[in-house]
Amino acid sequence: LKTLGLKATDGQRMKADIGILRGNGTETTAR
């Protein structure tokens, strides 16, 4: 958490997103 500077508490709301990148091993083709 310290690497991210994140201090989360119960009930805390925050903006966030999670995803993936797809590719062929040398270039990214989709997000």
PDB file of all heavy atoms in Angstrom:
ATOM      1  N   LEU A   1       0.821  -1.206   0.000  1.00  0.00           N
ATOM      2  CA  LEU A   1       0.000   0.000   0.000  1.00  0.00           C
ATOM      3  C   LEU A   1       0.856   1.258   0.000  1.00  0.00           C
ATOM      4  O   LEU A   1       0.518   2.258  -0.629  1.00  0.00           O
ATOM      5  CB  LEU A   1      -0.923  -0.005   1.226  1.00  0.00           C
ATOM      6  CG  LEU A   1      -1.963  -1.131   1.299  1.00  0.00           C
ATOM      7  CD1 LEU A   1      -2.709  -1.054   2.621  1.00  0.00           C
ATOM      8  CD2 LEU A   1      -2.926  -1.052   0.134  1.00  0.00           C
ATOM      9  N   LYS A   2       1.985   1.209   0.711  1.00  0.00           N
ATOM     10  CA  LYS A   2       2.839   2.398   0.789  1.00  0.00           C
ATOM     11  C   LYS A   2       3.443   2.749  -0.559  1.00  0.00           C
ATOM     12  O   LYS A   2       3.730   3.929  -0.829  1.00  0.00           O
ATOM     13  CB  LYS A   2       3.934   2.203   1.832  1.00  0.00           C
ATOM     14  CG  LYS A   2       4.934   1.099   1.507  1.00  0.00           C
ATOM     15  CD  LYS A   2       5.978   0.981   2.610  1.00  0.00           C
ATOM     16  CE  LYS A   2       7.002  -0.120   2.297  1.00  0.00           C
ATOM     17  NZ  LYS A   2       8.005  -0.251   3.387  1.00  0.00           N
ATOM     18  N   THR A   3       3.634   1.755  -1.418  1.00  0.00           N
ATOM     19  CA  THR A   3       4.146   2.035  -2.759  1.00  0.00           C
ATOM     20  C   THR A   3       3.146   2.869  -3.542  1.00  0.00           C
ATOM     21  O   THR A   3       3.526   3.722  -4.352  1.00  0.00           O
ATOM     22  CB  THR A   3       4.439   0.722  -3.508  1.00  0.00           C
ATOM     23  OG1 THR A   3       5.379  -0.045  -2.753  1.00  0.00           O
ATOM     24  CG2 THR A   3       5.016   0.993  -4.893  1.00  0.00           C
ATOM     25  N   LEU A   4       1.861   2.633  -3.284  1.00  0.00           N
ATOM     26  CA  LEU A   4       0.794   3.362  -3.978  1.00  0.00           C
ATOM     27  C   LEU A   4       0.371   4.625  -3.234  1.00  0.00           C
ATOM     28  O   LEU A   4      -0.377   5.435  -3.789  1.00  0.00           O
ATOM     29  CB  LEU A   4      -0.429   2.452  -4.134  1.00  0.00           C
ATOM     30  CG  LEU A   4      -0.209   1.122  -4.858  1.00  0.00           C
ATOM     31  CD1 LEU A   4      -1.478   0.284  -4.786  1.00  0.00           C
ATOM     32  CD2 LEU A   4       0.219   1.348  -6.296  1.00  0.00           C
ATOM     33  N   GLY A   5       0.829   4.776  -2.001  1.00  0.00           N
ATOM     34  CA  GLY A   5       0.358   5.899  -1.193  1.00  0.00           C
ATOM     35  C   GLY A   5      -1.116   5.758  -0.859  1.00  0.00           C
ATOM     36  O   GLY A   5      -1.836   6.750  -0.718  1.00  0.00           O
ATOM     37  N   LEU A   6      -1.576   4.511  -0.716  1.00  0.00           N
ATOM     38  CA  LEU A   6      -2.995   4.233  -0.504  1.00  0.00           C
ATOM     39  C   LEU A   6      -3.277   3.941   0.965  1.00  0.00           C
ATOM     40  O   LEU A   6      -2.640   3.080   1.576  1.00  0.00           O
ATOM     41  CB  LEU A   6      -3.417   3.041  -1.366  1.00  0.00           C
ATOM     42  CG  LEU A   6      -4.863   2.556  -1.221  1.00  0.00           C
ATOM     43  CD1 LEU A   6      -5.853   3.659  -1.555  1.00  0.00           C
ATOM     44  CD2 LEU A   6      -5.091   1.334  -2.095  1.00  0.00           C
ATOM     45  N   LYS A   7      -4.246   4.665   1.516  1.00  0.00           N
ATOM     46  CA  LYS A   7      -4.718   4.429   2.878  1.00  0.00           C
ATOM     47  C   LYS A   7      -6.231   4.272   2.816  1.00  0.00           C
ATOM     48  O   LYS A   7      -6.969   5.264   2.815  1.00  0.00           O
ATOM     49  CB  LYS A   7      -4.333   5.584   3.802  1.00  0.00           C
ATOM     50  CG  LYS A   7      -2.830   5.778   3.966  1.00  0.00           C
ATOM     51  CD  LYS A   7      -2.519   6.942   4.874  1.00  0.00           C
ATOM     52  CE  LYS A   7      -1.009   7.130   5.032  1.00  0.00           C
ATOM     53  NZ  LYS A   7      -0.687   8.296   5.911  1.00  0.00           N
ATOM     54  N   ALA A   8      -6.687   3.027   2.730  1.00  0.00           N
ATOM     55  CA  ALA A   8      -8.112   2.761   2.585  1.00  0.00           C
ATOM     56  C   ALA A   8      -8.740   2.456   3.938  1.00  0.00           C
ATOM     57  O   ALA A   8      -8.169   1.727   4.743  1.00  0.00           O
ATOM     58  CB  ALA A   8      -8.332   1.589   1.628  1.00  0.00           C
ATOM     59  N   THR A   9      -9.913   3.013   4.183  1.00  0.00           N
ATOM     60  CA  THR A   9     -10.640   2.770   5.419  1.00  0.00           C
ATOM     61  C   THR A   9     -12.006   2.182   5.086  1.00  0.00           C
ATOM     62  O   THR A   9     -12.517   2.335   3.968  1.00  0.00           O
ATOM     63  CB  THR A   9     -10.819   4.067   6.215  1.00  0.00           C
ATOM     64  OG1 THR A   9     -11.520   5.027   5.395  1.00  0.00           O
ATOM     65  CG2 THR A   9      -9.476   4.650   6.613  1.00  0.00           C
ATOM     66  N   ASP A  10     -12.602   1.507   6.054  1.00  0.00           N
ATOM     67  CA  ASP A  10     -13.914   0.901   5.845  1.00  0.00           C
ATOM     68  C   ASP A  10     -14.927   1.947   5.394  1.00  0.00           C
ATOM     69  O   ASP A  10     -15.055   3.014   6.007  1.00  0.00           O
ATOM     70  CB  ASP A  10     -14.409   0.243   7.130  1.00  0.00           C
ATOM     71  CG  ASP A  10     -13.578  -0.971   7.517  1.00  0.00           C
ATOM     72  OD1 ASP A  10     -12.757  -1.395   6.686  1.00  0.00           O
ATOM     73  OD2 ASP A  10     -13.760  -1.485   8.634  1.00  0.00           O
ATOM     74  N   GLY A  11     -15.633   1.651   4.335  1.00  0.00           N
ATOM     75  CA  GLY A  11     -16.660   2.553   3.838  1.00  0.00           C
ATOM     76  C   GLY A  11     -16.152   3.644   2.918  1.00  0.00           C
ATOM     77  O   GLY A  11     -16.954   4.399   2.354  1.00  0.00           O
ATOM     78  N   GLN A  12     -14.833   3.762   2.758  1.00  0.00           N
ATOM     79  CA  GLN A  12     -14.275   4.820   1.915  1.00  0.00           C
ATOM     80  C   GLN A  12     -14.623   4.593   0.458  1.00  0.00           C
ATOM     81  O   GLN A  12     -14.544   3.494  -0.060  1.00  0.00           O
ATOM     82  CB  GLN A  12     -12.756   4.864   2.072  1.00  0.00           C
ATOM     83  CG  GLN A  12     -12.084   5.933   1.223  1.00  0.00           C
ATOM     84  CD  GLN A  12     -10.564   5.893   1.365  1.00  0.00           C
ATOM     85  OE1 GLN A  12     -10.033   5.362   2.326  1.00  0.00           O
ATOM     86  NE2 GLN A  12      -9.870   6.454   0.397  1.00  0.00           N
ATOM     87  N   ARG A  13     -15.011   5.668  -0.218  1.00  0.00           N
ATOM     88  CA  ARG A  13     -15.298   5.625  -1.644  1.00  0.00           C
ATOM     89  C   ARG A  13     -14.146   6.260  -2.401  1.00  0.00           C
ATOM     90  O   ARG A  13     -13.561   7.247  -1.948  1.00  0.00           O
ATOM     91  CB  ARG A  13     -16.603   6.373  -1.953  1.00  0.00           C
ATOM     92  CG  ARG A  13     -17.835   5.717  -1.333  1.00  0.00           C
ATOM     93  CD  ARG A  13     -19.052   6.610  -1.449  1.00  0.00           C
ATOM     94  NE  ARG A  13     -19.449   6.810  -2.840  1.00  0.00           N
ATOM     95  CZ  ARG A  13     -20.257   5.999  -3.510  1.00  0.00           C
ATOM     96  NH1 ARG A  13     -20.756   4.920  -2.916  1.00  0.00           N
ATOM     97  NH2 ARG A  13     -20.595   6.261  -4.753  1.00  0.00           N
ATOM     98  N   MET A  14     -13.819   5.698  -3.555  1.00  0.00           N
ATOM     99  CA  MET A  14     -12.736   6.245  -4.359  1.00  0.00           C
ATOM    100  C   MET A  14     -12.947   5.891  -5.815  1.00  0.00           C
ATOM    101  O   MET A  14     -13.666   4.951  -6.151  1.00  0.00           O
ATOM    102  CB  MET A  14     -11.375   5.714  -3.877  1.00  0.00           C
ATOM    103  CG  MET A  14     -11.205   4.218  -3.980  1.00  0.00           C
ATOM    104  SD  MET A  14      -9.645   3.611  -3.284  1.00  0.00           S
ATOM    105  CE  MET A  14      -8.490   4.295  -4.469  1.00  0.00           C
ATOM    106  N   LYS A  15     -12.326   6.667  -6.694  1.00  0.00           N
ATOM    107  CA  LYS A  15     -12.373   6.384  -8.129  1.00  0.00           C
ATOM    108  C   LYS A  15     -11.325   5.322  -8.453  1.00  0.00           C
ATOM    109  O   LYS A  15     -10.212   5.338  -7.917  1.00  0.00           O
ATOM    110  CB  LYS A  15     -12.090   7.651  -8.922  1.00  0.00           C
ATOM    111  CG  LYS A  15     -13.029   8.798  -8.633  1.00  0.00           C
ATOM    112  CD  LYS A  15     -14.334   8.662  -9.396  1.00  0.00           C
ATOM    113  CE  LYS A  15     -14.169   9.012 -10.862  1.00  0.00           C
ATOM    114  NZ  LYS A  15     -15.441   9.058 -11.579  1.00  0.00           N
ATOM    115  N   ALA A  16     -11.677   4.410  -9.350  1.00  0.00           N
ATOM    116  CA  ALA A  16     -10.759   3.345  -9.721  1.00  0.00           C
ATOM    117  C   ALA A  16     -11.232   2.689 -11.009  1.00  0.00           C
ATOM    118  O   ALA A  16     -12.387   2.840 -11.421  1.00  0.00           O
ATOM    119  CB  ALA A  16     -10.649   2.305  -8.606  1.00  0.00           C
ATOM    120  N   ASP A  17     -10.338   1.965 -11.632  1.00  0.00           N
ATOM    121  CA  ASP A  17     -10.692   1.169 -12.802  1.00  0.00           C
ATOM    122  C   ASP A  17      -9.724   0.003 -12.896  1.00  0.00           C
ATOM    123  O   ASP A  17      -8.578   0.085 -12.429  1.00  0.00           O
ATOM    124  CB  ASP A  17     -10.640   2.007 -14.085  1.00  0.00           C
ATOM    125  CG  ASP A  17     -11.623   1.507 -15.142  1.00  0.00           C
ATOM    126  OD1 ASP A  17     -12.242   0.441 -14.931  1.00  0.00           O
ATOM    127  OD2 ASP A  17     -11.779   2.192 -16.170  1.00  0.00           O
ATOM    128  N   ILE A  18     -10.183  -1.082 -13.469  1.00  0.00           N
ATOM    129  CA  ILE A  18      -9.360  -2.275 -13.628  1.00  0.00           C
ATOM    130  C   ILE A  18      -9.597  -2.831 -15.020  1.00  0.00           C
ATOM    131  O   ILE A  18     -10.739  -2.832 -15.508  1.00  0.00           O
ATOM    132  CB  ILE A  18      -9.679  -3.317 -12.533  1.00  0.00           C
ATOM    133  CG1 ILE A  18      -8.745  -4.523 -12.630  1.00  0.00           C
ATOM    134  CG2 ILE A  18     -11.139  -3.725 -12.566  1.00  0.00           C
ATOM    135  CD1 ILE A  18      -8.876  -5.490 -11.455  1.00  0.00           C
ATOM    136  N   GLY A  19      -8.525  -3.275 -15.678  1.00  0.00           N
ATOM    137  CA  GLY A  19      -8.679  -3.758 -17.036  1.00  0.00           C
ATOM    138  C   GLY A  19      -7.515  -4.599 -17.501  1.00  0.00           C
ATOM    139  O   GLY A  19      -6.634  -4.973 -16.713  1.00  0.00           O
ATOM    140  N   ILE A  20      -7.527  -4.884 -18.787  1.00  0.00           N
ATOM    141  CA  ILE A  20      -6.454  -5.656 -19.402  1.00  0.00           C
ATOM    142  C   ILE A  20      -6.048  -5.025 -20.723  1.00  0.00           C
ATOM    143  O   ILE A  20      -6.817  -4.313 -21.366  1.00  0.00           O
ATOM    144  CB  ILE A  20      -6.869  -7.122 -19.668  1.00  0.00           C
ATOM    145  CG1 ILE A  20      -8.046  -7.176 -20.648  1.00  0.00           C
ATOM    146  CG2 ILE A  20      -7.191  -7.844 -18.367  1.00  0.00           C
ATOM    147  CD1 ILE A  20      -8.296  -8.550 -21.228  1.00  0.00           C
ATOM    148  N   LEU A  21      -4.824  -5.312 -21.108  1.00  0.00           N
ATOM    149  CA  LEU A  21      -4.343  -5.013 -22.446  1.00  0.00           C
ATOM    150  C   LEU A  21      -4.135  -6.339 -23.164  1.00  0.00           C
ATOM    151  O   LEU A  21      -3.625  -7.288 -22.575  1.00  0.00           O
ATOM    152  CB  LEU A  21      -3.013  -4.251 -22.400  1.00  0.00           C
ATOM    153  CG  LEU A  21      -2.972  -2.974 -21.553  1.00  0.00           C
ATOM    154  CD1 LEU A  21      -1.585  -2.361 -21.635  1.00  0.00           C
ATOM    155  CD2 LEU A  21      -4.025  -1.987 -22.011  1.00  0.00           C
ATOM    156  N   ARG A  22      -4.529  -6.404 -24.412  1.00  0.00           N
ATOM    157  CA  ARG A  22      -4.294  -7.599 -25.212  1.00  0.00           C
ATOM    158  C   ARG A  22      -3.337  -7.264 -26.344  1.00  0.00           C
ATOM    159  O   ARG A  22      -3.309  -6.141 -26.848  1.00  0.00           O
ATOM    160  CB  ARG A  22      -5.605  -8.144 -25.787  1.00  0.00           C
ATOM    161  CG  ARG A  22      -6.534  -8.709 -24.731  1.00  0.00           C
ATOM    162  CD  ARG A  22      -7.767  -9.338 -25.336  1.00  0.00           C
ATOM    163  NE  ARG A  22      -8.672  -8.343 -25.886  1.00  0.00           N
ATOM    164  CZ  ARG A  22      -9.162  -8.371 -27.122  1.00  0.00           C
ATOM    165  NH1 ARG A  22      -8.821  -9.341 -27.940  1.00  0.00           N
ATOM    166  NH2 ARG A  22     -10.000  -7.435 -27.528  1.00  0.00           N
ATOM    167  N   GLY A  23      -2.536  -8.240 -26.732  1.00  0.00           N
ATOM    168  CA  GLY A  23      -1.581  -8.001 -27.796  1.00  0.00           C
ATOM    169  C   GLY A  23      -1.078  -9.293 -28.392  1.00  0.00           C
ATOM    170  O   GLY A  23      -1.533 -10.386 -28.052  1.00  0.00           O
ATOM    171  N   ASN A  24      -0.105  -9.148 -29.283  1.00  0.00           N
ATOM    172  CA  ASN A  24       0.465 -10.315 -29.961  1.00  0.00           C
ATOM    173  C   ASN A  24       1.879 -10.628 -29.491  1.00  0.00           C
ATOM    174  O   ASN A  24       2.587 -11.410 -30.118  1.00  0.00           O
ATOM    175  CB  ASN A  24       0.445 -10.102 -31.474  1.00  0.00           C
ATOM    176  CG  ASN A  24       1.202  -8.845 -31.901  1.00  0.00           C
ATOM    177  OD1 ASN A  24       2.006  -8.313 -31.131  1.00  0.00           O
ATOM    178  ND2 ASN A  24       0.937  -8.365 -33.097  1.00  0.00           N
ATOM    179  N   GLY A  25       2.277  -9.993 -28.408  1.00  0.00           N
ATOM    180  CA  GLY A  25       3.615 -10.224 -27.886  1.00  0.00           C
ATOM    181  C   GLY A  25       4.596  -9.128 -28.215  1.00  0.00           C
ATOM    182  O   GLY A  25       5.623  -8.982 -27.541  1.00  0.00           O
ATOM    183  N   THR A  26       4.289  -8.343 -29.232  1.00  0.00           N
ATOM    184  CA  THR A  26       5.167  -7.234 -29.605  1.00  0.00           C
ATOM    185  C   THR A  26       4.433  -5.904 -29.694  1.00  0.00           C
ATOM    186  O   THR A  26       5.057  -4.849 -29.632  1.00  0.00           O
ATOM    187  CB  THR A  26       5.849  -7.503 -30.962  1.00  0.00           C
ATOM    188  OG1 THR A  26       4.843  -7.692 -31.967  1.00  0.00           O
ATOM    189  CG2 THR A  26       6.739  -8.731 -30.887  1.00  0.00           C
ATOM    190  N   GLU A  27       3.115  -5.950 -29.847  1.00  0.00           N
ATOM    191  CA  GLU A  27       2.336  -4.725 -29.875  1.00  0.00           C
ATOM    192  C   GLU A  27       0.990  -4.944 -29.196  1.00  0.00           C
ATOM    193  O   GLU A  27       0.482  -6.063 -29.154  1.00  0.00           O
ATOM    194  CB  GLU A  27       2.130  -4.225 -31.308  1.00  0.00           C
ATOM    195  CG  GLU A  27       1.325  -5.159 -32.179  1.00  0.00           C
ATOM    196  CD  GLU A  27       1.129  -4.619 -33.581  1.00  0.00           C
ATOM    197  OE1 GLU A  27       1.368  -3.407 -33.787  1.00  0.00           O
ATOM    198  OE2 GLU A  27       0.748  -5.394 -34.469  1.00  0.00           O
ATOM    199  N   THR A  28       0.445  -3.862 -28.653  1.00  0.00           N
ATOM    200  CA  THR A  28      -0.853  -3.918 -27.989  1.00  0.00           C
ATOM    201  C   THR A  28      -1.939  -3.672 -29.020  1.00  0.00           C
ATOM    202  O   THR A  28      -1.883  -2.708 -29.783  1.00  0.00           O
ATOM    203  CB  THR A  28      -0.930  -2.867 -26.871  1.00  0.00           C
ATOM    204  OG1 THR A  28       0.141  -3.105 -25.943  1.00  0.00           O
ATOM    205  CG2 THR A  28      -2.253  -2.952 -26.130  1.00  0.00           C
ATOM    206  N   THR A  29      -2.934  -4.552 -29.024  1.00  0.00           N
ATOM    207  CA  THR A  29      -3.969  -4.478 -30.050  1.00  0.00           C
ATOM    208  C   THR A  29      -5.344  -4.115 -29.513  1.00  0.00           C
ATOM    209  O   THR A  29      -6.236  -3.763 -30.296  1.00  0.00           O
ATOM    210  CB  THR A  29      -4.073  -5.818 -30.798  1.00  0.00           C
ATOM    211  OG1 THR A  29      -4.349  -6.862 -29.850  1.00  0.00           O
ATOM    212  CG2 THR A  29      -2.768  -6.134 -31.528  1.00  0.00           C
ATOM    213  N   ALA A  30      -5.565  -4.195 -28.202  1.00  0.00           N
ATOM    214  CA  ALA A  30      -6.879  -3.870 -27.640  1.00  0.00           C
ATOM    215  C   ALA A  30      -6.750  -3.548 -26.163  1.00  0.00           C
ATOM    216  O   ALA A  30      -5.858  -4.057 -25.475  1.00  0.00           O
ATOM    217  CB  ALA A  30      -7.855  -5.023 -27.852  1.00  0.00           C
ATOM    218  N   ARG A  31      -7.673  -2.710 -25.664  1.00  0.00           N
ATOM    219  CA  ARG A  31      -7.725  -2.348 -24.255  1.00  0.00           C
ATOM    220  C   ARG A  31      -9.163  -2.495 -23.763  1.00  0.00           C
ATOM    221  O   ARG A  31     -10.088  -2.019 -24.421  1.00  0.00           O
ATOM    222  CB  ARG A  31      -7.262  -0.899 -24.054  1.00  0.00           C
ATOM    223  CG  ARG A  31      -5.847  -0.611 -24.541  1.00  0.00           C
ATOM    224  CD  ARG A  31      -5.439   0.829 -24.258  1.00  0.00           C
ATOM    225  NE  ARG A  31      -6.209   1.778 -25.049  1.00  0.00           N
ATOM    226  CZ  ARG A  31      -6.438   3.048 -24.693  1.00  0.00           C
ATOM    227  NH1 ARG A  31      -6.001   3.497 -23.533  1.00  0.00           N
ATOM    228  NH2 ARG A  31      -7.129   3.856 -25.481  1.00  0.00           N
TER     229      ARG A  31
END
